[in-house]
PDB file of N, CA and C in Angstrom:
ATOM      1  N   MET A   1     -13.156  15.509  -4.892  1.00  0.00           N
ATOM      2  CA  MET A   1     -12.671  14.135  -4.754  1.00  0.00           C
ATOM      3  C   MET A   1     -13.966  13.185  -4.753  1.00  0.00           C
ATOM      4  N   ALA A   2     -13.791  12.041  -5.420  1.00  0.00           N
ATOM      5  CA  ALA A   2     -14.967  11.162  -5.265  1.00  0.00           C
ATOM      6  C   ALA A   2     -14.332  10.025  -4.325  1.00  0.00           C
ATOM      7  N   HIS A   3     -15.038   9.376  -3.370  1.00  0.00           N
ATOM      8  CA  HIS A   3     -14.833   8.340  -2.662  1.00  0.00           C
ATOM      9  C   HIS A   3     -15.507   6.916  -3.155  1.00  0.00           C
ATOM     10  N   PHE A   4     -14.802   5.771  -3.105  1.00  0.00           N
ATOM     11  CA  PHE A   4     -15.317   4.484  -3.418  1.00  0.00           C
ATOM     12  C   PHE A   4     -15.052   3.628  -2.365  1.00  0.00           C
ATOM     13  N   ALA A   5     -16.020   2.606  -2.158  1.00  0.00           N
ATOM     14  CA  ALA A   5     -15.975   1.822  -1.254  1.00  0.00           C
ATOM     15  C   ALA A   5     -15.858   0.321  -1.760  1.00  0.00           C
ATOM     16  N   ARG A   6     -14.861  -0.527  -1.523  1.00  0.00           N
ATOM     17  CA  ARG A   6     -15.073  -2.008  -2.102  1.00  0.00           C
ATOM     18  C   ARG A   6     -15.806  -2.745  -1.061  1.00  0.00           C
ATOM     19  N   VAL A   7     -16.793  -3.467  -1.570  1.00  0.00           N
ATOM     20  CA  VAL A   7     -17.468  -4.381  -0.709  1.00  0.00           C
ATOM     21  C   VAL A   7     -17.301  -5.799  -1.270  1.00  0.00           C
ATOM     22  N   ASN A   8     -17.315  -6.653  -0.178  1.00  0.00           N
ATOM     23  CA  ASN A   8     -17.180  -8.150  -0.435  1.00  0.00           C
ATOM     24  C   ASN A   8     -18.612  -8.736  -0.686  1.00  0.00           C
ATOM     25  N   ASP A   9     -18.510 -10.093  -0.868  1.00  0.00           N
ATOM     26  CA  ASP A   9     -19.576 -10.869  -1.238  1.00  0.00           C
ATOM     27  C   ASP A   9     -20.906 -10.841  -0.322  1.00  0.00           C
ATOM     28  N   GLU A  10     -20.424 -10.383   1.228  1.00  0.00           N
ATOM     29  CA  GLU A  10     -21.333 -10.037   2.128  1.00  0.00           C
ATOM     30  C   GLU A  10     -21.833  -8.774   2.367  1.00  0.00           C
ATOM     31  N   ASN A  11     -21.290  -7.917   1.399  1.00  0.00           N
ATOM     32  CA  ASN A  11     -21.601  -6.383   1.249  1.00  0.00           C
ATOM     33  C   ASN A  11     -20.797  -5.688   2.642  1.00  0.00           C
ATOM     34  N   VAL A  12     -19.887  -6.255   3.018  1.00  0.00           N
ATOM     35  CA  VAL A  12     -19.238  -5.476   4.078  1.00  0.00           C
ATOM     36  C   VAL A  12     -18.019  -4.672   3.322  1.00  0.00           C
ATOM     37  N   VAL A  13     -17.668  -3.443   3.977  1.00  0.00           N
ATOM     38  CA  VAL A  13     -16.740  -2.661   3.311  1.00  0.00           C
ATOM     39  C   VAL A  13     -15.410  -3.186   3.697  1.00  0.00           C
ATOM     40  N   GLU A  14     -14.571  -3.174   2.587  1.00  0.00           N
ATOM     41  CA  GLU A  14     -13.169  -3.740   3.024  1.00  0.00           C
ATOM     42  C   GLU A  14     -12.000  -2.657   2.715  1.00  0.00           C
ATOM     43  N   GLU A  15     -12.618  -1.735   1.973  1.00  0.00           N
ATOM     44  CA  GLU A  15     -11.478  -0.742   1.410  1.00  0.00           C
ATOM     45  C   GLU A  15     -12.217   0.578   1.147  1.00  0.00           C
ATOM     46  N   VAL A  16     -11.602   1.743   1.335  1.00  0.00           N
ATOM     47  CA  VAL A  16     -12.070   2.842   0.714  1.00  0.00           C
ATOM     48  C   VAL A  16     -10.875   3.689   0.003  1.00  0.00           C
ATOM     49  N   ILE A  17     -11.197   4.412  -1.253  1.00  0.00           N
ATOM     50  CA  ILE A  17     -10.278   4.950  -1.819  1.00  0.00           C
ATOM     51  C   ILE A  17     -10.682   6.306  -2.319  1.00  0.00           C
ATOM     52  N   VAL A  18      -9.875   7.178  -2.650  1.00  0.00           N
ATOM     53  CA  VAL A  18     -10.248   8.440  -3.276  1.00  0.00           C
ATOM     54  C   VAL A  18      -9.779   8.577  -4.767  1.00  0.00           C
ATOM     55  N   VAL A  19     -10.845   8.985  -5.645  1.00  0.00           N
ATOM     56  CA  VAL A  19     -10.308   9.146  -6.901  1.00  0.00           C
ATOM     57  C   VAL A  19     -10.721  10.651  -7.388  1.00  0.00           C
ATOM     58  N   SER A  20      -9.874  11.181  -8.125  1.00  0.00           N
ATOM     59  CA  SER A  20      -9.904  12.463  -8.561  1.00  0.00           C
ATOM     60  C   SER A  20     -11.050  12.748  -9.218  1.00  0.00           C
ATOM     61  N   ASN A  21     -11.665  14.044  -9.201  1.00  0.00           N
ATOM     62  CA  ASN A  21     -12.958  14.566  -9.861  1.00  0.00           C
ATOM     63  C   ASN A  21     -12.542  14.353 -11.344  1.00  0.00           C
ATOM     64  N   ASP A  22     -11.383  14.516 -11.826  1.00  0.00           N
ATOM     65  CA  ASP A  22     -11.175  14.387 -13.142  1.00  0.00           C
ATOM     66  C   ASP A  22     -11.406  12.856 -13.721  1.00  0.00           C
ATOM     67  N   ASP A  23     -11.398  11.993 -12.912  1.00  0.00           N
ATOM     68  CA  ASP A  23     -11.494  10.469 -13.115  1.00  0.00           C
ATOM     69  C   ASP A  23     -13.033   9.885 -12.748  1.00  0.00           C
ATOM     70  N   ALA A  24     -13.721  10.855 -12.111  1.00  0.00           N
ATOM     71  CA  ALA A  24     -15.079  10.538 -11.658  1.00  0.00           C
ATOM     72  C   ALA A  24     -15.786  11.816 -11.474  1.00  0.00           C
ATOM     73  N   PRO A  25     -16.070  12.572 -12.514  1.00  0.00           N
ATOM     74  CA  PRO A  25     -16.743  13.904 -12.441  1.00  0.00           C
ATOM     75  C   PRO A  25     -18.102  13.893 -11.688  1.00  0.00           C
ATOM     76  N   ASP A  26     -18.275  15.020 -10.970  1.00  0.00           N
ATOM     77  CA  ASP A  26     -19.671  15.281 -10.473  1.00  0.00           C
ATOM     78  C   ASP A  26     -20.935  15.278 -11.485  1.00  0.00           C
ATOM     79  N   PRO A  27     -21.827  15.215 -11.433  1.00  0.00           N
ATOM     80  CA  PRO A  27     -22.594  14.808 -10.003  1.00  0.00           C
ATOM     81  C   PRO A  27     -22.963  13.287  -9.925  1.00  0.00           C
ATOM     82  N   TYR A  28     -23.132  12.780  -8.700  1.00  0.00           N
ATOM     83  CA  TYR A  28     -23.565  11.482  -8.518  1.00  0.00           C
ATOM     84  C   TYR A  28     -25.063  11.546  -8.935  1.00  0.00           C
ATOM     85  N   PRO A  29     -25.393  10.564  -9.520  1.00  0.00           N
ATOM     86  CA  PRO A  29     -24.933   9.060  -9.728  1.00  0.00           C
ATOM     87  C   PRO A  29     -24.175   9.072 -10.971  1.00  0.00           C
ATOM     88  N   GLU A  30     -24.378  10.034 -11.842  1.00  0.00           N
ATOM     89  CA  GLU A  30     -23.571   9.880 -13.288  1.00  0.00           C
ATOM     90  C   GLU A  30     -22.054   9.498 -13.046  1.00  0.00           C
ATOM     91  N   SER A  31     -21.468   9.927 -11.810  1.00  0.00           N
ATOM     92  CA  SER A  31     -20.155   9.901 -11.638  1.00  0.00           C
ATOM     93  C   SER A  31     -19.746   8.358 -11.435  1.00  0.00           C
ATOM     94  N   GLU A  32     -20.532   7.647 -10.764  1.00  0.00           N
ATOM     95  CA  GLU A  32     -20.283   6.271 -10.175  1.00  0.00           C
ATOM     96  C   GLU A  32     -19.851   5.384 -11.339  1.00  0.00           C
ATOM     97  N   PRO A  33     -20.592   5.208 -12.368  1.00  0.00           N
ATOM     98  CA  PRO A  33     -20.050   4.235 -13.386  1.00  0.00           C
ATOM     99  C   PRO A  33     -18.730   4.845 -13.989  1.00  0.00           C
ATOM    100  N   ILE A  34     -18.545   6.002 -14.198  1.00  0.00           N
ATOM    101  CA  ILE A  34     -17.353   6.426 -14.806  1.00  0.00           C
ATOM    102  C   ILE A  34     -16.207   6.231 -13.728  1.00  0.00           C
ATOM    103  N   GLY A  35     -16.422   6.561 -12.444  1.00  0.00           N
ATOM    104  CA  GLY A  35     -15.302   6.175 -11.363  1.00  0.00           C
ATOM    105  C   GLY A  35     -15.075   4.586 -11.419  1.00  0.00           C
ATOM    106  N   GLN A  36     -16.115   3.845 -11.412  1.00  0.00           N
ATOM    107  CA  GLN A  36     -16.110   2.290 -11.402  1.00  0.00           C
ATOM    108  C   GLN A  36     -15.121   1.801 -12.755  1.00  0.00           C
ATOM    109  N   ALA A  37     -15.474   2.503 -13.870  1.00  0.00           N
ATOM    110  CA  ALA A  37     -14.525   2.211 -14.984  1.00  0.00           C
ATOM    111  C   ALA A  37     -13.084   2.408 -14.796  1.00  0.00           C
ATOM    112  N   PHE A  38     -12.910   3.602 -14.236  1.00  0.00           N
ATOM    113  CA  PHE A  38     -11.488   4.055 -13.964  1.00  0.00           C
ATOM    114  C   PHE A  38     -10.825   3.164 -12.995  1.00  0.00           C
ATOM    115  N   ILE A  39     -11.479   2.808 -11.751  1.00  0.00           N
ATOM    116  CA  ILE A  39     -10.938   1.890 -10.844  1.00  0.00           C
ATOM    117  C   ILE A  39     -10.541   0.380 -11.628  1.00  0.00           C
ATOM    118  N   ALA A  40     -11.431  -0.104 -12.465  1.00  0.00           N
ATOM    119  CA  ALA A  40     -11.387  -1.426 -12.959  1.00  0.00           C
ATOM    120  C   ALA A  40     -10.194  -1.202 -14.139  1.00  0.00           C
ATOM    121  N   ASP A  41     -10.230  -0.239 -15.124  1.00  0.00           N
ATOM    122  CA  ASP A  41      -9.607  -0.173 -16.377  1.00  0.00           C
ATOM    123  C   ASP A  41      -8.172   0.370 -16.019  1.00  0.00           C
ATOM    124  N   VAL A  42      -8.112   1.468 -15.159  1.00  0.00           N
ATOM    125  CA  VAL A  42      -6.775   2.288 -15.051  1.00  0.00           C
ATOM    126  C   VAL A  42      -6.065   1.732 -13.993  1.00  0.00           C
ATOM    127  N   LEU A  43      -6.775   1.755 -12.729  1.00  0.00           N
ATOM    128  CA  LEU A  43      -6.116   1.380 -11.382  1.00  0.00           C
ATOM    129  C   LEU A  43      -6.024  -0.255 -11.359  1.00  0.00           C
ATOM    130  N   LYS A  44      -6.742  -0.960 -12.220  1.00  0.00           N
ATOM    131  CA  LYS A  44      -6.658  -2.511 -12.298  1.00  0.00           C
ATOM    132  C   LYS A  44      -7.079  -3.101 -10.925  1.00  0.00           C
ATOM    133  N   LEU A  45      -8.027  -2.581 -10.066  1.00  0.00           N
ATOM    134  CA  LEU A  45      -8.593  -2.896  -8.891  1.00  0.00           C
ATOM    135  C   LEU A  45      -9.804  -3.812  -9.180  1.00  0.00           C
ATOM    136  N   ALA A  46      -9.709  -5.036  -8.789  1.00  0.00           N
ATOM    137  CA  ALA A  46     -10.942  -5.795  -8.912  1.00  0.00           C
ATOM    138  C   ALA A  46     -11.930  -5.611  -7.734  1.00  0.00           C
ATOM    139  N   GLY A  47     -13.216  -6.091  -7.845  1.00  0.00           N
ATOM    140  CA  GLY A  47     -14.075  -6.073  -6.940  1.00  0.00           C
ATOM    141  C   GLY A  47     -15.296  -5.184  -7.229  1.00  0.00           C
ATOM    142  N   VAL A  48     -16.308  -5.058  -6.320  1.00  0.00           N
ATOM    143  CA  VAL A  48     -17.468  -4.367  -6.388  1.00  0.00           C
ATOM    144  C   VAL A  48     -17.217  -2.898  -5.720  1.00  0.00           C
ATOM    145  N   TRP A  49     -17.069  -1.903  -6.319  1.00  0.00           N
ATOM    146  CA  TRP A  49     -16.787  -0.499  -5.874  1.00  0.00           C
ATOM    147  C   TRP A  49     -18.079   0.417  -6.030  1.00  0.00           C
ATOM    148  N   LEU A  50     -18.353   0.939  -4.691  1.00  0.00           N
ATOM    149  CA  LEU A  50     -19.602   1.698  -4.826  1.00  0.00           C
ATOM    150  C   LEU A  50     -19.402   3.127  -4.227  1.00  0.00           C
ATOM    151  N   GLN A  51     -19.784   4.104  -5.006  1.00  0.00           N
ATOM    152  CA  GLN A  51     -19.341   5.492  -4.490  1.00  0.00           C
ATOM    153  C   GLN A  51     -20.140   5.854  -3.153  1.00  0.00           C
ATOM    154  N   THR A  52     -19.335   6.570  -2.274  1.00  0.00           N
ATOM    155  CA  THR A  52     -19.870   6.706  -0.903  1.00  0.00           C
ATOM    156  C   THR A  52     -19.584   8.335  -0.821  1.00  0.00           C
ATOM    157  N   SER A  53     -20.444   9.001  -0.133  1.00  0.00           N
ATOM    158  CA  SER A  53     -20.479  10.376   0.065  1.00  0.00           C
ATOM    159  C   SER A  53     -19.722  10.867   1.450  1.00  0.00           C
ATOM    160  N   TYR A  54     -18.625  11.584   1.280  1.00  0.00           N
ATOM    161  CA  TYR A  54     -17.788  12.102   2.503  1.00  0.00           C
ATOM    162  C   TYR A  54     -18.754  12.845   3.485  1.00  0.00           C
ATOM    163  N   ASN A  55     -19.608  13.548   2.781  1.00  0.00           N
ATOM    164  CA  ASN A  55     -20.599  14.560   3.585  1.00  0.00           C
ATOM    165  C   ASN A  55     -21.768  13.819   3.971  1.00  0.00           C
ATOM    166  N   GLY A  56     -22.014  12.547   3.390  1.00  0.00           N
ATOM    167  CA  GLY A  56     -23.348  12.147   3.718  1.00  0.00           C
ATOM    168  C   GLY A  56     -24.524  12.218   2.909  1.00  0.00           C
ATOM    169  N   THR A  57     -24.283  13.080   1.804  1.00  0.00           N
ATOM    170  CA  THR A  57     -25.548  13.523   0.852  1.00  0.00           C
ATOM    171  C   THR A  57     -26.117  12.378   0.148  1.00  0.00           C
ATOM    172  N   PHE A  58     -25.551  11.174   0.001  1.00  0.00           N
ATOM    173  CA  PHE A  58     -26.258  10.069  -0.543  1.00  0.00           C
ATOM    174  C   PHE A  58     -25.614   8.692   0.159  1.00  0.00           C
ATOM    175  N   ARG A  59     -26.379   7.801  -0.197  1.00  0.00           N
ATOM    176  CA  ARG A  59     -26.158   6.590   0.482  1.00  0.00           C
ATOM    177  C   ARG A  59     -26.003   6.487   1.996  1.00  0.00           C
ATOM    178  N   GLY A  60     -26.724   7.315   2.656  1.00  0.00           N
ATOM    179  CA  GLY A  60     -26.825   7.348   4.280  1.00  0.00           C
ATOM    180  C   GLY A  60     -25.789   7.853   4.771  1.00  0.00           C
ATOM    181  N   ARG A  61     -24.492   7.464   4.588  1.00  0.00           N
ATOM    182  CA  ARG A  61     -23.334   7.913   5.351  1.00  0.00           C
ATOM    183  C   ARG A  61     -22.132   7.488   4.627  1.00  0.00           C
ATOM    184  N   TYR A  62     -21.045   8.165   5.022  1.00  0.00           N
ATOM    185  CA  TYR A  62     -19.665   7.687   4.383  1.00  0.00           C
ATOM    186  C   TYR A  62     -19.403   6.525   4.861  1.00  0.00           C
ATOM    187  N   ALA A  63     -18.934   5.465   3.884  1.00  0.00           N
ATOM    188  CA  ALA A  63     -18.536   4.099   4.312  1.00  0.00           C
ATOM    189  C   ALA A  63     -17.242   4.110   4.978  1.00  0.00           C
ATOM    190  N   GLY A  64     -17.143   3.250   5.915  1.00  0.00           N
ATOM    191  CA  GLY A  64     -15.951   3.125   6.754  1.00  0.00           C
ATOM    192  C   GLY A  64     -15.737   1.569   6.483  1.00  0.00           C
ATOM    193  N   ILE A  65     -14.615   1.142   6.723  1.00  0.00           N
ATOM    194  CA  ILE A  65     -14.248  -0.293   6.745  1.00  0.00           C
ATOM    195  C   ILE A  65     -14.802  -1.125   7.849  1.00  0.00           C
ATOM    196  N   GLY A  66     -15.552  -2.075   7.569  1.00  0.00           N
ATOM    197  CA  GLY A  66     -16.450  -2.805   8.320  1.00  0.00           C
ATOM    198  C   GLY A  66     -18.005  -2.534   8.384  1.00  0.00           C
ATOM    199  N   TYR A  67     -18.146  -1.249   7.774  1.00  0.00           N
ATOM    200  CA  TYR A  67     -19.585  -0.915   7.346  1.00  0.00           C
ATOM    201  C   TYR A  67     -20.157  -2.057   6.625  1.00  0.00           C
ATOM    202  N   ARG A  68     -21.571  -1.876   6.545  1.00  0.00           N
ATOM    203  CA  ARG A  68     -22.258  -2.873   5.438  1.00  0.00           C
ATOM    204  C   ARG A  68     -22.878  -1.893   4.504  1.00  0.00           C
ATOM    205  N   TYR A  69     -23.078  -2.516   3.277  1.00  0.00           N
ATOM    206  CA  TYR A  69     -23.870  -1.902   2.378  1.00  0.00           C
ATOM    207  C   TYR A  69     -25.107  -2.595   2.432  1.00  0.00           C
ATOM    208  N   ASP A  70     -26.189  -1.928   2.368  1.00  0.00           N
ATOM    209  CA  ASP A  70     -27.447  -2.577   2.316  1.00  0.00           C
ATOM    210  C   ASP A  70     -28.306  -2.196   0.985  1.00  0.00           C
ATOM    211  N   PRO A  71     -28.252  -3.224   0.073  1.00  0.00           N
ATOM    212  CA  PRO A  71     -28.765  -2.939  -1.189  1.00  0.00           C
ATOM    213  C   PRO A  71     -30.153  -2.771  -1.406  1.00  0.00           C
ATOM    214  N   THR A  72     -31.111  -3.244  -0.371  1.00  0.00           N
ATOM    215  CA  THR A  72     -32.410  -2.934  -0.257  1.00  0.00           C
ATOM    216  C   THR A  72     -32.666  -1.305  -0.127  1.00  0.00           C
ATOM    217  N   ILE A  73     -31.997  -0.700   0.883  1.00  0.00           N
ATOM    218  CA  ILE A  73     -32.190   0.784   1.008  1.00  0.00           C
ATOM    219  C   ILE A  73     -31.154   1.740   0.272  1.00  0.00           C
ATOM    220  N   ASP A  74     -30.219   0.989  -0.511  1.00  0.00           N
ATOM    221  CA  ASP A  74     -29.058   1.722  -1.181  1.00  0.00           C
ATOM    222  C   ASP A  74     -28.307   2.652  -0.116  1.00  0.00           C
ATOM    223  N   GLU A  75     -28.000   2.027   1.127  1.00  0.00           N
ATOM    224  CA  GLU A  75     -27.330   2.889   1.825  1.00  0.00           C
ATOM    225  C   GLU A  75     -26.057   1.956   2.625  1.00  0.00           C
ATOM    226  N   PHE A  76     -25.258   2.691   3.085  1.00  0.00           N
ATOM    227  CA  PHE A  76     -24.132   2.132   4.121  1.00  0.00           C
ATOM    228  C   PHE A  76     -24.732   2.240   5.400  1.00  0.00           C
ATOM    229  N   VAL A  77     -24.553   1.077   6.216  1.00  0.00           N
ATOM    230  CA  VAL A  77     -24.950   1.096   7.468  1.00  0.00           C
ATOM    231  C   VAL A  77     -23.713   0.664   8.610  1.00  0.00           C
ATOM    232  N   LEU A  78     -24.017   1.184   9.556  1.00  0.00           N
ATOM    233  CA  LEU A  78     -23.238   0.788  10.613  1.00  0.00           C
ATOM    234  C   LEU A  78     -22.859  -0.667  10.889  1.00  0.00           C
ATOM    235  N   PRO A  79     -21.723  -1.097  11.326  1.00  0.00           N
ATOM    236  CA  PRO A  79     -21.451  -2.562  11.623  1.00  0.00           C
ATOM    237  C   PRO A  79     -22.343  -2.850  12.684  1.00  0.00           C
ATOM    238  N   PRO A  80     -22.718  -4.161  12.898  1.00  0.00           N
ATOM    239  CA  PRO A  80     -23.440  -4.612  14.061  1.00  0.00           C
ATOM    240  C   PRO A  80     -22.564  -4.481  15.415  1.00  0.00           C
ATOM    241  N   GLU A  81     -23.342  -4.202  16.362  1.00  0.00           N
ATOM    242  CA  GLU A  81     -22.674  -4.077  17.580  1.00  0.00           C
ATOM    243  C   GLU A  81     -22.166  -5.168  17.989  1.00  0.00           C
ATOM    244  N   PRO A  82     -20.952  -5.364  18.622  1.00  0.00           N
ATOM    245  CA  PRO A  82     -20.217  -6.651  19.036  1.00  0.00           C
ATOM    246  C   PRO A  82     -20.970  -7.349  20.347  1.00  0.00           C
ATOM    247  N   GLU A  83     -21.043  -8.661  20.509  1.00  0.00           N
ATOM    248  CA  GLU A  83     -21.740  -9.222  21.283  1.00  0.00           C
ATOM    249  C   GLU A  83     -21.013  -8.976  22.740  1.00  0.00           C
ATOM    250  N   PRO A  84     -21.875  -8.476  23.756  1.00  0.00           N
ATOM    251  CA  PRO A  84     -21.186  -8.277  25.125  1.00  0.00           C
ATOM    252  C   PRO A  84     -20.494  -9.681  25.647  1.00  0.00           C
ATOM    253  N   GLU A  85     -19.425  -9.362  26.313  1.00  0.00           N
ATOM    254  CA  GLU A  85     -18.766 -10.640  26.921  1.00  0.00           C
ATOM    255  C   GLU A  85     -19.583 -11.092  27.957  1.00  0.00           C
ATOM    256  N   PRO A  86     -19.633 -12.434  28.272  1.00  0.00           N
ATOM    257  CA  PRO A  86     -20.392 -12.850  29.533  1.00  0.00           C
ATOM    258  C   PRO A  86     -19.665 -12.353  30.805  1.00  0.00           C
TER     259      PRO A  86
END
């Protein structure tokens, strides 16, 4: 299974979906544009979808909702720590 994360304009992950290997065949990175086309053309889901690795073999770690995508290092990073309450 291939996993894709939708990131918003601030590069924050808002959704993660699973796509069959039939629709996004291995290996990464060749599978990413195929999966993105499937998401846009068949699933009709808008937005920027980036492939994420469930076992962390690429893009740093598996993307979770609220995580950020850092395009400079091409990785998903943990969300910032909340500010402590006074």
